[in-house]
Amino acid sequence: MAMATCDIAVEDLNNCLSVLDLKRNHLHPVQRELLDRFIGVSQDFVRDMRAVNGDPDALRALLGLPVPGKKDNEGRA
């Protein structure tokens, strides 16, 4: 039950981050900077929780290994 509850919470957080990211243009520069920090830390948390719950791609990302079919920050697959 704890894992299912955590999955729901992580998915809700991920949805909230998406909404915040869409609204970032309505913020002033300092607010955008803070939002970017929050989104980054929250995305790390979501990744870690998914890795703990057995998502193999999240676990690979957590370990710094390439994720098949996913591009890195430089656009490499």
Protein backbone atom coordinates (compact mmCIF):
# COMPACT_ATOMS: atom_id res chain seq x y z
CA MET A 1 0.00 0.00 0.00
CA ALA A 2 2.82 2.43 0.80
CA MET A 3 4.28 2.01 -2.68
CA ALA A 4 0.91 2.66 -4.35
CA THR A 5 0.38 5.78 -2.24
CA CYS A 6 3.89 6.96 -3.09
CA ASP A 7 3.27 6.33 -6.79
CA ILE A 8 0.13 8.48 -6.68
CA ALA A 9 1.93 11.27 -4.84
CA VAL A 10 4.88 11.20 -7.25
CA GLU A 11 2.56 11.29 -10.26
CA ASP A 12 0.63 14.22 -8.74
CA LEU A 13 3.90 16.07 -8.11
CA ASN A 14 5.00 15.43 -11.67
CA ASN A 15 1.68 16.84 -12.97
CA CYS A 16 2.08 19.94 -10.77
CA LEU A 17 5.59 20.50 -12.09
CA SER A 18 4.25 20.40 -15.64
CA VAL A 19 1.62 23.04 -14.83
CA LEU A 20 4.18 25.27 -13.11
CA ASP A 21 6.50 24.98 -16.08
CA LEU A 22 3.70 26.04 -18.44
CA LYS A 23 2.99 29.15 -16.33
CA ARG A 24 6.63 30.23 -15.91
CA ASN A 25 6.31 33.03 -18.50
CA HIS A 26 3.92 34.85 -16.13
CA LEU A 27 6.63 35.16 -13.47
CA HIS A 28 9.34 37.76 -13.10
CA PRO A 29 12.99 36.67 -13.53
CA VAL A 30 13.72 35.94 -9.85
CA GLN A 31 10.55 33.87 -9.53
CA ARG A 32 11.51 31.95 -12.70
CA GLU A 33 14.95 31.24 -11.22
CA LEU A 34 13.39 29.92 -8.02
CA LEU A 35 10.87 27.89 -10.01
CA ASP A 36 13.67 26.38 -12.10
CA ARG A 37 15.47 25.33 -8.91
CA PHE A 38 12.30 23.85 -7.45
CA ILE A 39 11.49 21.96 -10.64
CA GLY A 40 15.03 20.58 -10.82
CA VAL A 41 15.05 19.34 -7.23
CA SER A 42 11.54 17.96 -7.57
CA GLN A 43 12.42 16.13 -10.79
CA ASP A 44 15.37 14.56 -8.99
CA PHE A 45 13.02 13.44 -6.22
CA VAL A 46 10.52 11.97 -8.70
CA ARG A 47 13.34 10.12 -10.49
CA ASP A 48 14.69 8.73 -7.23
CA MET A 49 11.25 7.59 -6.05
CA ARG A 50 10.55 5.88 -9.35
CA ALA A 51 13.94 4.19 -9.18
CA VAL A 52 13.16 2.91 -5.71
CA ASN A 53 9.83 1.61 -7.01
CA GLY A 54 11.54 -0.39 -9.75
CA ASP A 55 11.38 1.83 -12.87
CA PRO A 56 14.46 0.55 -14.75
CA ASP A 57 14.92 3.77 -16.78
CA ALA A 58 14.76 5.89 -13.61
CA LEU A 59 17.24 3.56 -11.91
CA ARG A 60 19.63 3.84 -14.88
CA ALA A 61 19.36 7.65 -14.77
CA LEU A 62 19.94 7.63 -11.01
CA LEU A 63 23.10 5.59 -11.52
CA GLY A 64 24.28 7.88 -14.32
CA LEU A 65 23.89 5.19 -16.98
CA PRO A 66 22.46 5.96 -20.41
CA VAL A 67 18.77 5.32 -20.84
CA PRO A 68 18.11 3.51 -24.14
CA GLY A 69 16.16 5.67 -26.59
CA LYS A 70 16.40 8.81 -24.46
CA LYS A 71 18.56 11.80 -25.42
CA ASP A 72 20.93 13.40 -22.94
CA ASN A 73 21.39 17.14 -22.41
CA GLU A 74 23.64 17.36 -25.47
CA GLY A 75 21.08 15.65 -27.71
CA ARG A 76 22.86 12.29 -27.82
CA ALA A 77 20.79 9.13 -27.66
